């Protein structure tokens, strides 16, 4: 008998980091792991889409804007077209130009990179419904 059915803290939340910059991936993964996320990281949007097509699921996706092969906007649109309802958080160092594009593509939030611990805590609370 599971007494915690419906409670968000019964399992670890999972996060996918999608960024072509290895240093940024390391920083983001470290912040996420520190706050209890299971994490996975890939270098471009196509790899992220391929993961979902193969059956993988994540609670939150941290999606960079500028990447080779498939950028964050293209990947987000494709993920939404596939029916992915995970929270997608746009990450970029060009806040003025890309925030509107991220939102129009179907992303839920936007932050400048690299993300900080406060950002992870905020997202964690949103995923847990707090």
C-alpha atoms as a PDB file:
ATOM      1  CA  UNK A   1       0.000   0.000   0.000  1.00  0.00           C
ATOM      2  CA  UNK A   2       1.420   3.379  -1.010  1.00  0.00           C
ATOM      3  CA  UNK A   3       0.382   6.059   1.464  1.00  0.00           C
ATOM      4  CA  UNK A   4       1.942   8.802  -0.652  1.00  0.00           C
ATOM      5  CA  UNK A   5      -0.035   8.384  -3.850  1.00  0.00           C
ATOM      6  CA  UNK A   6      -0.450  11.786  -5.493  1.00  0.00           C
ATOM      7  CA  UNK A   7       2.301  13.429  -3.475  1.00  0.00           C
ATOM      8  CA  UNK A   8       4.982  14.933  -5.647  1.00  0.00           C
ATOM      9  CA  UNK A   9       7.841  14.051  -3.307  1.00  0.00           C
ATOM     10  CA  UNK A  10       7.363  10.276  -3.609  1.00  0.00           C
ATOM     11  CA  UNK A  11       9.846  10.112  -6.486  1.00  0.00           C
ATOM     12  CA  UNK A  12      12.764  12.132  -7.665  1.00  0.00           C
ATOM     13  CA  UNK A  13      11.960  14.651 -10.346  1.00  0.00           C
ATOM     14  CA  UNK A  14      13.845  14.293 -13.604  1.00  0.00           C
ATOM     15  CA  UNK A  15      15.465  17.022 -15.665  1.00  0.00           C
ATOM     16  CA  UNK A  16      16.926  17.137 -19.159  1.00  0.00           C
ATOM     17  CA  UNK A  17      19.584  19.763 -19.874  1.00  0.00           C
ATOM     18  CA  UNK A  18      19.897  20.631 -23.568  1.00  0.00           C
ATOM     19  CA  UNK A  19      22.883  22.877 -24.312  1.00  0.00           C
ATOM     20  CA  UNK A  20      25.812  22.732 -26.721  1.00  0.00           C
ATOM     21  CA  UNK A  21      28.190  24.315 -24.181  1.00  0.00           C
ATOM     22  CA  UNK A  22      29.772  21.581 -22.043  1.00  0.00           C
ATOM     23  CA  UNK A  23      30.562  23.997 -19.200  1.00  0.00           C
ATOM     24  CA  UNK A  24      26.964  25.182 -19.025  1.00  0.00           C
ATOM     25  CA  UNK A  25      25.754  21.564 -19.009  1.00  0.00           C
ATOM     26  CA  UNK A  26      28.065  20.790 -16.087  1.00  0.00           C
ATOM     27  CA  UNK A  27      26.871  23.836 -14.114  1.00  0.00           C
ATOM     28  CA  UNK A  28      23.187  23.133 -14.748  1.00  0.00           C
ATOM     29  CA  UNK A  29      23.481  19.431 -13.940  1.00  0.00           C
ATOM     30  CA  UNK A  30      25.327  20.231 -10.695  1.00  0.00           C
ATOM     31  CA  UNK A  31      22.612  22.671  -9.556  1.00  0.00           C
ATOM     32  CA  UNK A  32      19.868  20.201 -10.429  1.00  0.00           C
ATOM     33  CA  UNK A  33      21.532  17.229  -8.714  1.00  0.00           C
ATOM     34  CA  UNK A  34      22.153  19.329  -5.602  1.00  0.00           C
ATOM     35  CA  UNK A  35      18.397  19.854  -5.362  1.00  0.00           C
ATOM     36  CA  UNK A  36      17.508  16.194  -5.861  1.00  0.00           C
ATOM     37  CA  UNK A  37      16.812  15.986  -9.584  1.00  0.00           C
ATOM     38  CA  UNK A  38      17.748  12.963 -11.643  1.00  0.00           C
ATOM     39  CA  UNK A  39      19.501  14.556 -14.608  1.00  0.00           C
ATOM     40  CA  UNK A  40      20.439  13.793 -18.166  1.00  0.00           C
ATOM     41  CA  UNK A  41      22.174  16.143 -20.612  1.00  0.00           C
ATOM     42  CA  UNK A  42      22.464  16.360 -24.397  1.00  0.00           C
ATOM     43  CA  UNK A  43      24.220  18.735 -26.812  1.00  0.00           C
ATOM     44  CA  UNK A  44      21.385  19.766 -29.160  1.00  0.00           C
ATOM     45  CA  UNK A  45      17.650  19.835 -29.691  1.00  0.00           C
ATOM     46  CA  UNK A  46      17.588  16.877 -32.068  1.00  0.00           C
ATOM     47  CA  UNK A  47      19.066  14.620 -29.409  1.00  0.00           C
ATOM     48  CA  UNK A  48      16.404  15.854 -26.965  1.00  0.00           C
ATOM     49  CA  UNK A  49      13.613  15.115 -29.445  1.00  0.00           C
ATOM     50  CA  UNK A  50      15.133  11.700 -30.182  1.00  0.00           C
ATOM     51  CA  UNK A  51      15.102  10.862 -26.457  1.00  0.00           C
ATOM     52  CA  UNK A  52      11.375  11.558 -26.231  1.00  0.00           C
ATOM     53  CA  UNK A  53      10.707   9.630 -29.433  1.00  0.00           C
ATOM     54  CA  UNK A  54      12.494   6.638 -27.881  1.00  0.00           C
ATOM     55  CA  UNK A  55      10.166   6.751 -24.873  1.00  0.00           C
ATOM     56  CA  UNK A  56      12.175   8.758 -22.349  1.00  0.00           C
ATOM     57  CA  UNK A  57      10.246  11.214 -20.165  1.00  0.00           C
ATOM     58  CA  UNK A  58      11.400  14.137 -18.015  1.00  0.00           C
ATOM     59  CA  UNK A  59       9.559  16.463 -15.664  1.00  0.00           C
ATOM     60  CA  UNK A  60      11.444  19.540 -16.839  1.00  0.00           C
ATOM     61  CA  UNK A  61      13.629  20.402 -19.813  1.00  0.00           C
ATOM     62  CA  UNK A  62      16.201  23.211 -19.715  1.00  0.00           C
ATOM     63  CA  UNK A  63      16.482  24.229 -23.371  1.00  0.00           C
ATOM     64  CA  UNK A  64      19.216  26.462 -24.777  1.00  0.00           C
ATOM     65  CA  UNK A  65      18.353  28.774 -27.672  1.00  0.00           C
ATOM     66  CA  UNK A  66      21.389  28.609 -29.971  1.00  0.00           C
ATOM     67  CA  UNK A  67      22.594  25.079 -30.713  1.00  0.00           C
ATOM     68  CA  UNK A  68      23.854  23.226 -33.782  1.00  0.00           C
ATOM     69  CA  UNK A  69      21.745  20.606 -35.581  1.00  0.00           C
ATOM     70  CA  UNK A  70      18.431  21.758 -34.021  1.00  0.00           C
ATOM     71  CA  UNK A  71      18.037  24.923 -31.947  1.00  0.00           C
ATOM     72  CA  UNK A  72      15.852  25.323 -28.877  1.00  0.00           C
ATOM     73  CA  UNK A  73      12.914  26.884 -30.696  1.00  0.00           C
ATOM     74  CA  UNK A  74      12.756  24.092 -33.290  1.00  0.00           C
ATOM     75  CA  UNK A  75      13.161  21.408 -30.631  1.00  0.00           C
ATOM     76  CA  UNK A  76      10.460  22.906 -28.414  1.00  0.00           C
ATOM     77  CA  UNK A  77       7.980  23.107 -31.275  1.00  0.00           C
ATOM     78  CA  UNK A  78       8.706  19.506 -32.232  1.00  0.00           C
ATOM     79  CA  UNK A  79       8.388  18.302 -28.625  1.00  0.00           C
ATOM     80  CA  UNK A  80       5.048  20.070 -28.228  1.00  0.00           C
ATOM     81  CA  UNK A  81       3.878  18.613 -31.559  1.00  0.00           C
ATOM     82  CA  UNK A  82       4.758  15.171 -30.161  1.00  0.00           C
ATOM     83  CA  UNK A  83       2.479  15.870 -27.193  1.00  0.00           C
ATOM     84  CA  UNK A  84       5.251  16.417 -24.643  1.00  0.00           C
ATOM     85  CA  UNK A  85       3.734  18.301 -21.707  1.00  0.00           C
ATOM     86  CA  UNK A  86       6.850  18.538 -19.538  1.00  0.00           C
ATOM     87  CA  UNK A  87       7.785  21.990 -18.291  1.00  0.00           C
ATOM     88  CA  UNK A  88      10.210  23.492 -20.808  1.00  0.00           C
ATOM     89  CA  UNK A  89      12.443  26.254 -19.501  1.00  0.00           C
ATOM     90  CA  UNK A  90      14.184  28.396 -22.096  1.00  0.00           C
ATOM     91  CA  UNK A  91      17.791  29.261 -21.314  1.00  0.00           C
ATOM     92  CA  UNK A  92      19.785  31.905 -23.170  1.00  0.00           C
ATOM     93  CA  UNK A  93      22.229  34.725 -22.663  1.00  0.00           C
ATOM     94  CA  UNK A  94      20.226  37.014 -24.979  1.00  0.00           C
ATOM     95  CA  UNK A  95      17.141  37.846 -22.910  1.00  0.00           C
ATOM     96  CA  UNK A  96      15.760  40.669 -25.056  1.00  0.00           C
ATOM     97  CA  UNK A  97      15.753  38.893 -28.379  1.00  0.00           C
ATOM     98  CA  UNK A  98      14.715  35.365 -27.463  1.00  0.00           C
ATOM     99  CA  UNK A  99      12.177  35.455 -24.607  1.00  0.00           C
ATOM    100  CA  UNK A 100       9.219  36.171 -26.891  1.00  0.00           C
ATOM    101  CA  UNK A 101      10.365  33.482 -29.347  1.00  0.00           C
ATOM    102  CA  UNK A 102      10.694  30.930 -26.548  1.00  0.00           C
ATOM    103  CA  UNK A 103       7.194  31.604 -25.242  1.00  0.00           C
ATOM    104  CA  UNK A 104       5.653  31.503 -28.737  1.00  0.00           C
ATOM    105  CA  UNK A 105       7.364  28.159 -29.370  1.00  0.00           C
ATOM    106  CA  UNK A 106       5.667  26.654 -26.306  1.00  0.00           C
ATOM    107  CA  UNK A 107       8.155  27.109 -23.499  1.00  0.00           C
ATOM    108  CA  UNK A 108       6.803  27.703 -20.023  1.00  0.00           C
ATOM    109  CA  UNK A 109       9.493  29.945 -18.556  1.00  0.00           C
ATOM    110  CA  UNK A 110      12.678  31.743 -19.503  1.00  0.00           C
ATOM    111  CA  UNK A 111      15.911  32.371 -17.582  1.00  0.00           C
ATOM    112  CA  UNK A 112      19.302  33.770 -18.471  1.00  0.00           C
ATOM    113  CA  UNK A 113      22.123  31.284 -18.376  1.00  0.00           C
ATOM    114  CA  UNK A 114      23.723  29.916 -16.478  1.00  0.00           C
ATOM    115  CA  UNK A 115      20.865  29.080 -14.132  1.00  0.00           C
ATOM    116  CA  UNK A 116      21.367  29.698 -10.446  1.00  0.00           C
ATOM    117  CA  UNK A 117      20.322  27.728  -7.377  1.00  0.00           C
ATOM    118  CA  UNK A 118      17.399  30.116  -6.793  1.00  0.00           C
ATOM    119  CA  UNK A 119      16.085  29.295 -10.269  1.00  0.00           C
ATOM    120  CA  UNK A 120      16.222  25.559  -9.586  1.00  0.00           C
ATOM    121  CA  UNK A 121      14.424  26.022  -6.259  1.00  0.00           C
ATOM    122  CA  UNK A 122      11.701  28.080  -7.960  1.00  0.00           C
ATOM    123  CA  UNK A 123      11.206  25.444 -10.653  1.00  0.00           C
ATOM    124  CA  UNK A 124      11.243  22.642  -8.086  1.00  0.00           C
ATOM    125  CA  UNK A 125       8.471  24.377  -6.136  1.00  0.00           C
ATOM    126  CA  UNK A 126       6.438  24.914  -9.308  1.00  0.00           C
ATOM    127  CA  UNK A 127       6.749  21.229 -10.233  1.00  0.00           C
ATOM    128  CA  UNK A 128       5.708  20.194  -6.737  1.00  0.00           C
ATOM    129  CA  UNK A 129       2.761  22.593  -6.756  1.00  0.00           C
ATOM    130  CA  UNK A 130       4.093  24.749  -3.890  1.00  0.00           C
END
